[in-house]
C-alpha atoms as a PDB file:
ATOM      1  CA  MET A   1       6.310 -16.748 -18.606  1.00  0.00           C
ATOM      2  CA  ASP A   2       4.918 -13.555 -17.935  1.00  0.00           C
ATOM      3  CA  THR A   3       6.300 -10.915 -15.659  1.00  0.00           C
ATOM      4  CA  ILE A   4       5.250  -9.968 -12.377  1.00  0.00           C
ATOM      5  CA  PRO A   5       4.002  -6.796 -12.325  1.00  0.00           C
ATOM      6  CA  SER A   6       5.497  -3.956 -10.702  1.00  0.00           C
ATOM      7  CA  TRP A   7       3.170  -3.447  -8.041  1.00  0.00           C
ATOM      8  CA  MET A   8       2.844  -6.734  -6.748  1.00  0.00           C
ATOM      9  CA  ALA A   9       6.855  -7.302  -7.057  1.00  0.00           C
ATOM     10  CA  ASN A  10       7.952  -4.497  -5.111  1.00  0.00           C
ATOM     11  CA  LEU A  11       5.595  -6.165  -2.005  1.00  0.00           C
ATOM     12  CA  GLU A  12       6.514  -7.255   1.074  1.00  0.00           C
ATOM     13  CA  ASP A  13       6.243 -11.171   1.893  1.00  0.00           C
ATOM     14  CA  GLU A  14       3.653 -10.592   4.371  1.00  0.00           C
ATOM     15  CA  ASP A  15       1.750  -8.765   2.395  1.00  0.00           C
ATOM     16  CA  ALA A  16       1.780 -11.170  -0.039  1.00  0.00           C
ATOM     17  CA  ALA A  17       0.789 -13.898   2.434  1.00  0.00           C
ATOM     18  CA  PHE A  18      -1.835 -11.510   3.211  1.00  0.00           C
ATOM     19  CA  ILE A  19      -3.318 -11.289  -0.285  1.00  0.00           C
ATOM     20  CA  LYS A  20      -3.343 -15.311  -0.867  1.00  0.00           C
ATOM     21  CA  LYS A  21      -5.233 -15.478   2.481  1.00  0.00           C
ATOM     22  CA  PHE A  22      -7.755 -13.058   1.256  1.00  0.00           C
ATOM     23  CA  VAL A  23      -8.263 -14.784  -1.657  1.00  0.00           C
ATOM     24  CA  LEU A  24      -8.631 -18.153  -0.040  1.00  0.00           C
ATOM     25  CA  ALA A  25     -11.009 -17.155   2.313  1.00  0.00           C
ATOM     26  CA  SER A  26     -12.930 -15.572  -0.665  1.00  0.00           C
ATOM     27  CA  GLY A  27     -12.291 -12.422   0.592  1.00  0.00           C
ATOM     28  CA  SER A  28     -14.493 -12.503   3.876  1.00  0.00           C
ATOM     29  CA  LEU A  29     -12.392  -9.828   5.879  1.00  0.00           C
ATOM     30  CA  LYS A  30     -14.337 -11.652   9.067  1.00  0.00           C
ATOM     31  CA  GLU A  31     -12.946 -14.589   8.580  1.00  0.00           C
ATOM     32  CA  MET A  32      -9.509 -13.145   8.090  1.00  0.00           C
ATOM     33  CA  ALA A  33     -10.147 -11.154  11.291  1.00  0.00           C
ATOM     34  CA  GLY A  34     -10.611 -14.917  12.978  1.00  0.00           C
ATOM     35  CA  LEU A  35      -7.660 -16.250  10.860  1.00  0.00           C
ATOM     36  CA  TYR A  36      -5.186 -13.035  11.962  1.00  0.00           C
ATOM     37  CA  GLY A  37      -6.640 -12.908  15.513  1.00  0.00           C
ATOM     38  CA  VAL A  38      -8.077  -9.152  15.695  1.00  0.00           C
ATOM     39  CA  SER A  39     -11.120  -7.478  15.279  1.00  0.00           C
ATOM     40  CA  TYR A  40     -12.879  -6.583  11.851  1.00  0.00           C
ATOM     41  CA  PRO A  41     -12.055  -3.358  11.974  1.00  0.00           C
ATOM     42  CA  THR A  42      -8.302  -3.933  12.345  1.00  0.00           C
ATOM     43  CA  MET A  43      -8.819  -6.161   9.727  1.00  0.00           C
ATOM     44  CA  ARG A  44     -10.445  -3.773   7.220  1.00  0.00           C
ATOM     45  CA  LEU A  45      -7.715  -0.734   8.178  1.00  0.00           C
ATOM     46  CA  ARG A  46      -5.111  -3.397   7.153  1.00  0.00           C
ATOM     47  CA  LEU A  47      -6.735  -4.413   3.756  1.00  0.00           C
ATOM     48  CA  ASP A  48      -7.454  -0.115   3.267  1.00  0.00           C
ATOM     49  CA  ARG A  49      -3.573   0.312   4.030  1.00  0.00           C
ATOM     50  CA  LEU A  50      -2.656  -2.223   1.796  1.00  0.00           C
ATOM     51  CA  ILE A  51      -4.711  -0.809  -1.616  1.00  0.00           C
ATOM     52  CA  GLN A  52      -2.812   2.240  -0.532  1.00  0.00           C
ATOM     53  CA  LYS A  53       0.311   0.471  -0.820  1.00  0.00           C
ATOM     54  CA  ILE A  54      -0.657  -0.888  -4.422  1.00  0.00           C
ATOM     55  CA  ARG A  55      -2.019   2.503  -5.758  1.00  0.00           C
ATOM     56  CA  LEU A  56       0.994   3.873  -4.902  1.00  0.00           C
ATOM     57  CA  ALA A  57       3.305   1.630  -6.304  1.00  0.00           C
ATOM     58  CA  GLU A  58       1.097   1.389  -9.738  1.00  0.00           C
ATOM     59  CA  THR A  59       1.867   5.354 -10.537  1.00  0.00           C
ATOM     60  CA  GLU A  60       5.742   5.291 -11.422  1.00  0.00           C
ATOM     61  CA  GLU A  61       7.514   8.309 -10.441  1.00  0.00           C
ATOM     62  CA  ALA A  62      10.283   9.956 -12.749  1.00  0.00           C
ATOM     63  CA  ASP A  63      10.687  12.882  -9.755  1.00  0.00           C
ATOM     64  CA  PRO A  64      12.928  11.396  -7.289  1.00  0.00           C
ATOM     65  CA  TYR A  65      11.752  13.356  -4.075  1.00  0.00           C
ATOM     66  CA  VAL A  66       8.226  12.054  -5.101  1.00  0.00           C
ATOM     67  CA  ALA A  67       8.859   8.423  -5.507  1.00  0.00           C
ATOM     68  CA  LEU A  68      11.252   8.860  -1.953  1.00  0.00           C
ATOM     69  CA  VAL A  69       7.869  10.242  -0.296  1.00  0.00           C
ATOM     70  CA  LYS A  70       6.101   7.343  -1.960  1.00  0.00           C
ATOM     71  CA  ARG A  71       8.287   4.849  -1.319  1.00  0.00           C
ATOM     72  CA  LEU A  72       8.460   5.603   2.791  1.00  0.00           C
ATOM     73  CA  ALA A  73       4.666   5.650   2.804  1.00  0.00           C
ATOM     74  CA  MET A  74       4.910   2.049   1.663  1.00  0.00           C
ATOM     75  CA  ASP A  75       7.311   1.204   3.702  1.00  0.00           C
ATOM     76  CA  ASP A  76       5.433   2.625   6.632  1.00  0.00           C
ATOM     77  CA  LYS A  77       7.712   5.119   7.259  1.00  0.00           C
ATOM     78  CA  LEU A  78       5.789   7.835   6.670  1.00  0.00           C
ATOM     79  CA  ASP A  79       2.122   7.980   7.149  1.00  0.00           C
ATOM     80  CA  PHE A  80      -0.240   8.345   4.048  1.00  0.00           C
ATOM     81  CA  GLY A  81      -1.639  11.468   4.931  1.00  0.00           C
ATOM     82  CA  THR A  82       1.333  13.055   5.682  1.00  0.00           C
ATOM     83  CA  ALA A  83       2.736  12.125   2.114  1.00  0.00           C
ATOM     84  CA  LYS A  84      -0.113  13.457   0.207  1.00  0.00           C
ATOM     85  CA  LEU A  85       0.274  16.241   2.175  1.00  0.00           C
ATOM     86  CA  LEU A  86       3.857  16.650   1.594  1.00  0.00           C
ATOM     87  CA  LEU A  87       3.433  15.839  -2.031  1.00  0.00           C
ATOM     88  CA  SER A  88       1.037  18.482  -2.516  1.00  0.00           C
ATOM     89  CA  GLU A  89       3.040  21.207  -1.311  1.00  0.00           C
ATOM     90  CA  TYR A  90       6.300  20.071  -2.996  1.00  0.00           C
ATOM     91  CA  ARG A  91       4.152  20.141  -6.515  1.00  0.00           C
ATOM     92  CA  LYS A  92       2.782  23.578  -5.633  1.00  0.00           C
ATOM     93  CA  THR A  93       6.460  24.787  -5.386  1.00  0.00           C
ATOM     94  CA  LYS A  94       7.359  23.185  -8.883  1.00  0.00           C
ATOM     95  CA  GLU A  95       4.453  24.792 -10.623  1.00  0.00           C
ATOM     96  CA  GLU A  96       5.549  28.447  -9.300  1.00  0.00           C
END
């Protein structure tokens, strides 16, 4: 049996369930919005946030600070804009 990709293993159960429903809905955000009882823009935002989580999870990080900031962003304890700003400033200090 193949191992589960790290980006998938790190997803919360709710995110995995969302992906399953999205696939079963043939990628229809309109249908997903109906299933969840929310507006299309709300569903689009949820999908965009999930995409960001997956992208963050795909990039493994050796630096403990960077890994912490990414983990906080993935757990919705830090918004993605702030996480990007913190990482950008941190990397600038590392270059000096």
